[in-house]
Amino acid sequence: MRRALVLTDEGARHPFRMSLPRHVTRIPVPPQTTATRPWITRQDARTFVHFYVACFVATLLYIS
């Protein structure tokens, strides 16, 4: 079966989207990002420990 040359995007599956040019409906590929710094730094861990200890002490003081 021979198909005629069409100017529509048949993968769009909607009449309005089929009428748009192909470059409009194309989904851009996101650039690959790499982590330039560690996910958790020493300062992050230190802040977490300080907050955890402060909450633990406050809970102990509230209970007793």
PDB file of N, CA and C in Angstrom:
ATOM      1  N   MET A   1       0.844  -1.180   0.000  1.00  0.00           N
ATOM      2  CA  MET A   1       0.000   0.000   0.000  1.00  0.00           C
ATOM      3  C   MET A   1       0.884   1.236   0.000  1.00  0.00           C
ATOM      4  N   ARG A   2       0.610   2.121  -0.888  1.00  0.00           N
ATOM      5  CA  ARG A   2       1.391   3.346  -1.000  1.00  0.00           C
ATOM      6  C   ARG A   2       0.653   4.496  -0.344  1.00  0.00           C
ATOM      7  N   ARG A   3       1.366   5.219   0.511  1.00  0.00           N
ATOM      8  CA  ARG A   3       0.746   6.332   1.226  1.00  0.00           C
ATOM      9  C   ARG A   3       1.183   7.642   0.595  1.00  0.00           C
ATOM     10  N   ALA A   4       0.294   8.588   0.625  1.00  0.00           N
ATOM     11  CA  ALA A   4       0.597   9.915   0.101  1.00  0.00           C
ATOM     12  C   ALA A   4       1.441  10.686   1.115  1.00  0.00           C
ATOM     13  N   LEU A   5       2.187  11.644   0.614  1.00  0.00           N
ATOM     14  CA  LEU A   5       2.975  12.498   1.482  1.00  0.00           C
ATOM     15  C   LEU A   5       2.034  13.417   2.251  1.00  0.00           C
ATOM     16  N   VAL A   6       2.133  13.387   3.574  1.00  0.00           N
ATOM     17  CA  VAL A   6       1.266  14.234   4.398  1.00  0.00           C
ATOM     18  C   VAL A   6       2.124  15.233   5.151  1.00  0.00           C
ATOM     19  N   LEU A   7       1.546  16.379   5.433  1.00  0.00           N
ATOM     20  CA  LEU A   7       2.247  17.428   6.155  1.00  0.00           C
ATOM     21  C   LEU A   7       1.813  17.502   7.612  1.00  0.00           C
ATOM     22  N   THR A   8       1.089  16.518   8.057  1.00  0.00           N
ATOM     23  CA  THR A   8       0.618  16.531   9.444  1.00  0.00           C
ATOM     24  C   THR A   8       1.370  15.496  10.253  1.00  0.00           C
ATOM     25  N   ASP A   9       1.328  15.684  11.547  1.00  0.00           N
ATOM     26  CA  ASP A   9       1.951  14.740  12.468  1.00  0.00           C
ATOM     27  C   ASP A   9       0.890  13.740  12.894  1.00  0.00           C
ATOM     28  N   GLU A  10       0.943  12.547  12.346  1.00  0.00           N
ATOM     29  CA  GLU A  10      -0.090  11.557  12.637  1.00  0.00           C
ATOM     30  C   GLU A  10       0.028  11.011  14.050  1.00  0.00           C
ATOM     31  N   GLY A  11       1.167  11.190  14.670  1.00  0.00           N
ATOM     32  CA  GLY A  11       1.332  10.726  16.039  1.00  0.00           C
ATOM     33  C   GLY A  11       0.669  11.630  17.047  1.00  0.00           C
ATOM     34  N   ALA A  12       0.189  12.783  16.630  1.00  0.00           N
ATOM     35  CA  ALA A  12      -0.415  13.728  17.560  1.00  0.00           C
ATOM     36  C   ALA A  12      -1.775  13.242  18.041  1.00  0.00           C
ATOM     37  N   ARG A  13      -2.540  12.579  17.204  1.00  0.00           N
ATOM     38  CA  ARG A  13      -3.822  11.974  17.550  1.00  0.00           C
ATOM     39  C   ARG A  13      -4.925  12.974  17.893  1.00  0.00           C
ATOM     40  N   HIS A  14      -4.727  14.245  17.631  1.00  0.00           N
ATOM     41  CA  HIS A  14      -5.777  15.234  17.849  1.00  0.00           C
ATOM     42  C   HIS A  14      -5.756  16.183  16.649  1.00  0.00           C
ATOM     43  N   PRO A  15      -6.926  16.559  16.142  1.00  0.00           N
ATOM     44  CA  PRO A  15      -6.948  17.396  14.935  1.00  0.00           C
ATOM     45  C   PRO A  15      -6.174  18.706  15.077  1.00  0.00           C
ATOM     46  N   PHE A  16      -6.284  19.369  16.218  1.00  0.00           N
ATOM     47  CA  PHE A  16      -5.555  20.633  16.377  1.00  0.00           C
ATOM     48  C   PHE A  16      -4.056  20.392  16.420  1.00  0.00           C
ATOM     49  N   ARG A  17      -3.623  19.374  17.180  1.00  0.00           N
ATOM     50  CA  ARG A  17      -2.197  19.083  17.265  1.00  0.00           C
ATOM     51  C   ARG A  17      -1.655  18.599  15.929  1.00  0.00           C
ATOM     52  N   MET A  18      -2.470  17.902  15.150  1.00  0.00           N
ATOM     53  CA  MET A  18      -2.024  17.452  13.837  1.00  0.00           C
ATOM     54  C   MET A  18      -1.811  18.618  12.883  1.00  0.00           C
ATOM     55  N   SER A  19      -2.553  19.716  13.112  1.00  0.00           N
ATOM     56  CA  SER A  19      -2.416  20.860  12.216  1.00  0.00           C
ATOM     57  C   SER A  19      -1.170  21.698  12.532  1.00  0.00           C
ATOM     58  N   LEU A  20      -0.587  21.512  13.705  1.00  0.00           N
ATOM     59  CA  LEU A  20       0.599  22.283  14.079  1.00  0.00           C
ATOM     60  C   LEU A  20       1.840  21.723  13.396  1.00  0.00           C
ATOM     61  N   PRO A  21       2.827  22.570  13.142  1.00  0.00           N
ATOM     62  CA  PRO A  21       4.078  22.069  12.564  1.00  0.00           C
ATOM     63  C   PRO A  21       4.781  21.108  13.530  1.00  0.00           C
ATOM     64  N   ARG A  22       5.591  20.246  12.982  1.00  0.00           N
ATOM     65  CA  ARG A  22       6.242  19.219  13.785  1.00  0.00           C
ATOM     66  C   ARG A  22       7.165  19.826  14.851  1.00  0.00           C
ATOM     67  N   HIS A  23       7.841  20.924  14.543  1.00  0.00           N
ATOM     68  CA  HIS A  23       8.778  21.489  15.511  1.00  0.00           C
ATOM     69  C   HIS A  23       8.064  22.085  16.723  1.00  0.00           C
ATOM     70  N   VAL A  24       6.771  22.388  16.606  1.00  0.00           N
ATOM     71  CA  VAL A  24       6.029  22.942  17.735  1.00  0.00           C
ATOM     72  C   VAL A  24       5.675  21.844  18.744  1.00  0.00           C
ATOM     73  N   THR A  25       5.336  20.669  18.271  1.00  0.00           N
ATOM     74  CA  THR A  25       4.910  19.598  19.164  1.00  0.00           C
ATOM     75  C   THR A  25       6.064  18.713  19.622  1.00  0.00           C
ATOM     76  N   ARG A  26       7.263  18.990  19.156  1.00  0.00           N
ATOM     77  CA  ARG A  26       8.416  18.179  19.547  1.00  0.00           C
ATOM     78  C   ARG A  26       8.764  18.454  21.013  1.00  0.00           C
ATOM     79  N   ILE A  27       9.030  17.421  21.771  1.00  0.00           N
ATOM     80  CA  ILE A  27       9.411  17.553  23.175  1.00  0.00           C
ATOM     81  C   ILE A  27      10.929  17.641  23.236  1.00  0.00           C
ATOM     82  N   PRO A  28      11.466  18.739  23.790  1.00  0.00           N
ATOM     83  CA  PRO A  28      12.922  18.872  23.839  1.00  0.00           C
ATOM     84  C   PRO A  28      13.530  17.887  24.831  1.00  0.00           C
ATOM     85  N   VAL A  29      14.710  17.420  24.502  1.00  0.00           N
ATOM     86  CA  VAL A  29      15.429  16.502  25.377  1.00  0.00           C
ATOM     87  C   VAL A  29      16.095  17.327  26.475  1.00  0.00           C
ATOM     88  N   PRO A  30      15.813  16.996  27.751  1.00  0.00           N
ATOM     89  CA  PRO A  30      16.436  17.790  28.819  1.00  0.00           C
ATOM     90  C   PRO A  30      17.936  17.550  28.864  1.00  0.00           C
ATOM     91  N   PRO A  31      18.699  18.591  29.147  1.00  0.00           N
ATOM     92  CA  PRO A  31      20.153  18.405  29.223  1.00  0.00           C
ATOM     93  C   PRO A  31      20.496  17.553  30.434  1.00  0.00           C
ATOM     94  N   GLN A  32      21.510  16.732  30.271  1.00  0.00           N
ATOM     95  CA  GLN A  32      21.916  15.884  31.381  1.00  0.00           C
ATOM     96  C   GLN A  32      22.700  16.714  32.371  1.00  0.00           C
ATOM     97  N   THR A  33      22.227  16.686  33.592  1.00  0.00           N
ATOM     98  CA  THR A  33      22.893  17.450  34.631  1.00  0.00           C
ATOM     99  C   THR A  33      23.685  16.506  35.516  1.00  0.00           C
ATOM    100  N   THR A  34      24.830  16.966  35.918  1.00  0.00           N
ATOM    101  CA  THR A  34      25.655  16.193  36.827  1.00  0.00           C
ATOM    102  C   THR A  34      25.801  16.988  38.118  1.00  0.00           C
ATOM    103  N   ALA A  35      25.886  16.295  39.206  1.00  0.00           N
ATOM    104  CA  ALA A  35      26.044  16.950  40.495  1.00  0.00           C
ATOM    105  C   ALA A  35      27.448  17.532  40.588  1.00  0.00           C
ATOM    106  N   THR A  36      27.498  18.821  40.841  1.00  0.00           N
ATOM    107  CA  THR A  36      28.811  19.458  40.948  1.00  0.00           C
ATOM    108  C   THR A  36      29.295  19.468  42.380  1.00  0.00           C
ATOM    109  N   ARG A  37      28.371  19.273  43.323  1.00  0.00           N
ATOM    110  CA  ARG A  37      28.767  19.207  44.718  1.00  0.00           C
ATOM    111  C   ARG A  37      28.060  18.027  45.373  1.00  0.00           C
ATOM    112  N   PRO A  38      28.567  17.569  46.511  1.00  0.00           N
ATOM    113  CA  PRO A  38      27.928  16.432  47.175  1.00  0.00           C
ATOM    114  C   PRO A  38      26.492  16.760  47.575  1.00  0.00           C
ATOM    115  N   TRP A  39      25.694  15.722  47.670  1.00  0.00           N
ATOM    116  CA  TRP A  39      24.289  15.894  48.014  1.00  0.00           C
ATOM    117  C   TRP A  39      24.143  16.409  49.436  1.00  0.00           C
ATOM    118  N   ILE A  40      24.884  15.839  50.383  1.00  0.00           N
ATOM    119  CA  ILE A  40      24.860  16.287  51.772  1.00  0.00           C
ATOM    120  C   ILE A  40      26.266  16.743  52.130  1.00  0.00           C
ATOM    121  N   THR A  41      26.352  17.967  52.578  1.00  0.00           N
ATOM    122  CA  THR A  41      27.658  18.495  52.962  1.00  0.00           C
ATOM    123  C   THR A  41      27.861  18.309  54.457  1.00  0.00           C
ATOM    124  N   ARG A  42      29.057  18.578  54.897  1.00  0.00           N
ATOM    125  CA  ARG A  42      29.372  18.470  56.319  1.00  0.00           C
ATOM    126  C   ARG A  42      28.552  19.467  57.127  1.00  0.00           C
ATOM    127  N   GLN A  43      28.340  20.653  56.586  1.00  0.00           N
ATOM    128  CA  GLN A  43      27.547  21.669  57.287  1.00  0.00           C
ATOM    129  C   GLN A  43      26.087  21.222  57.409  1.00  0.00           C
ATOM    130  N   ASP A  44      25.546  20.558  56.395  1.00  0.00           N
ATOM    131  CA  ASP A  44      24.185  20.038  56.462  1.00  0.00           C
ATOM    132  C   ASP A  44      24.059  18.994  57.574  1.00  0.00           C
ATOM    133  N   ALA A  45      25.006  18.082  57.647  1.00  0.00           N
ATOM    134  CA  ALA A  45      24.973  17.045  58.679  1.00  0.00           C
ATOM    135  C   ALA A  45      25.121  17.665  60.063  1.00  0.00           C
ATOM    136  N   ARG A  46      25.978  18.643  60.188  1.00  0.00           N
ATOM    137  CA  ARG A  46      26.190  19.302  61.483  1.00  0.00           C
ATOM    138  C   ARG A  46      24.926  20.025  61.938  1.00  0.00           C
ATOM    139  N   THR A  47      24.265  20.714  61.029  1.00  0.00           N
ATOM    140  CA  THR A  47      23.015  21.406  61.362  1.00  0.00           C
ATOM    141  C   THR A  47      21.943  20.406  61.767  1.00  0.00           C
ATOM    142  N   PHE A  48      21.857  19.280  61.074  1.00  0.00           N
ATOM    143  CA  PHE A  48      20.877  18.258  61.414  1.00  0.00           C
ATOM    144  C   PHE A  48      21.130  17.705  62.809  1.00  0.00           C
ATOM    145  N   VAL A  49      22.391  17.404  63.138  1.00  0.00           N
ATOM    146  CA  VAL A  49      22.717  16.862  64.457  1.00  0.00           C
ATOM    147  C   VAL A  49      22.391  17.877  65.541  1.00  0.00           C
ATOM    148  N   HIS A  50      22.700  19.137  65.335  1.00  0.00           N
ATOM    149  CA  HIS A  50      22.380  20.169  66.324  1.00  0.00           C
ATOM    150  C   HIS A  50      20.872  20.267  66.536  1.00  0.00           C
ATOM    151  N   PHE A  51      20.116  20.232  65.483  1.00  0.00           N
ATOM    152  CA  PHE A  51      18.663  20.306  65.589  1.00  0.00           C
ATOM    153  C   PHE A  51      18.112  19.067  66.287  1.00  0.00           C
ATOM    154  N   TYR A  52      18.630  17.892  65.949  1.00  0.00           N
ATOM    155  CA  TYR A  52      18.170  16.647  66.565  1.00  0.00           C
ATOM    156  C   TYR A  52      18.438  16.655  68.065  1.00  0.00           C
ATOM    157  N   VAL A  53      19.644  17.057  68.470  1.00  0.00           N
ATOM    158  CA  VAL A  53      19.998  17.091  69.894  1.00  0.00           C
ATOM    159  C   VAL A  53      19.142  18.121  70.625  1.00  0.00           C
ATOM    160  N   ALA A  54      18.906  19.281  70.031  1.00  0.00           N
ATOM    161  CA  ALA A  54      18.080  20.304  70.674  1.00  0.00           C
ATOM    162  C   ALA A  54      16.653  19.799  70.885  1.00  0.00           C
ATOM    163  N   CYS A  55      16.087  19.116  69.892  1.00  0.00           N
ATOM    164  CA  CYS A  55      14.733  18.569  70.032  1.00  0.00           C
ATOM    165  C   CYS A  55      14.712  17.452  71.071  1.00  0.00           C
ATOM    166  N   PHE A  56      15.753  16.624  71.120  1.00  0.00           N
ATOM    167  CA  PHE A  56      15.813  15.532  72.078  1.00  0.00           C
ATOM    168  C   PHE A  56      15.879  16.095  73.492  1.00  0.00           C
ATOM    169  N   VAL A  57      16.711  17.099  73.724  1.00  0.00           N
ATOM    170  CA  VAL A  57      16.831  17.720  75.051  1.00  0.00           C
ATOM    171  C   VAL A  57      15.520  18.390  75.444  1.00  0.00           C
ATOM    172  N   ALA A  58      14.892  19.105  74.514  1.00  0.00           N
ATOM    173  CA  ALA A  58      13.612  19.751  74.815  1.00  0.00           C
ATOM    174  C   ALA A  58      12.537  18.728  75.165  1.00  0.00           C
ATOM    175  N   THR A  59      12.517  17.592  74.481  1.00  0.00           N
ATOM    176  CA  THR A  59      11.548  16.547  74.782  1.00  0.00           C
ATOM    177  C   THR A  59      11.814  15.944  76.157  1.00  0.00           C
ATOM    178  N   LEU A  60      13.077  15.694  76.484  1.00  0.00           N
ATOM    179  CA  LEU A  60      13.401  15.160  77.805  1.00  0.00           C
ATOM    180  C   LEU A  60      13.012  16.129  78.912  1.00  0.00           C
ATOM    181  N   LEU A  61      13.247  17.415  78.715  1.00  0.00           N
ATOM    182  CA  LEU A  61      12.869  18.406  79.716  1.00  0.00           C
ATOM    183  C   LEU A  61      11.356  18.517  79.848  1.00  0.00           C
ATOM    184  N   TYR A  62      10.641  18.364  78.767  1.00  0.00           N
ATOM    185  CA  TYR A  62       9.183  18.453  78.816  1.00  0.00           C
ATOM    186  C   TYR A  62       8.584  17.235  79.533  1.00  0.00           C
ATOM    187  N   ILE A  63       9.156  16.044  79.322  1.00  0.00           N
ATOM    188  CA  ILE A  63       8.642  14.826  79.934  1.00  0.00           C
ATOM    189  C   ILE A  63       8.914  14.826  81.443  1.00  0.00           C
ATOM    190  N   SER A  64      10.096  15.243  81.863  1.00  0.00           N
ATOM    191  CA  SER A  64      10.449  15.164  83.289  1.00  0.00           C
ATOM    192  C   SER A  64       9.948  16.317  84.106  1.00  0.00           C
TER     193      SER A  64
END
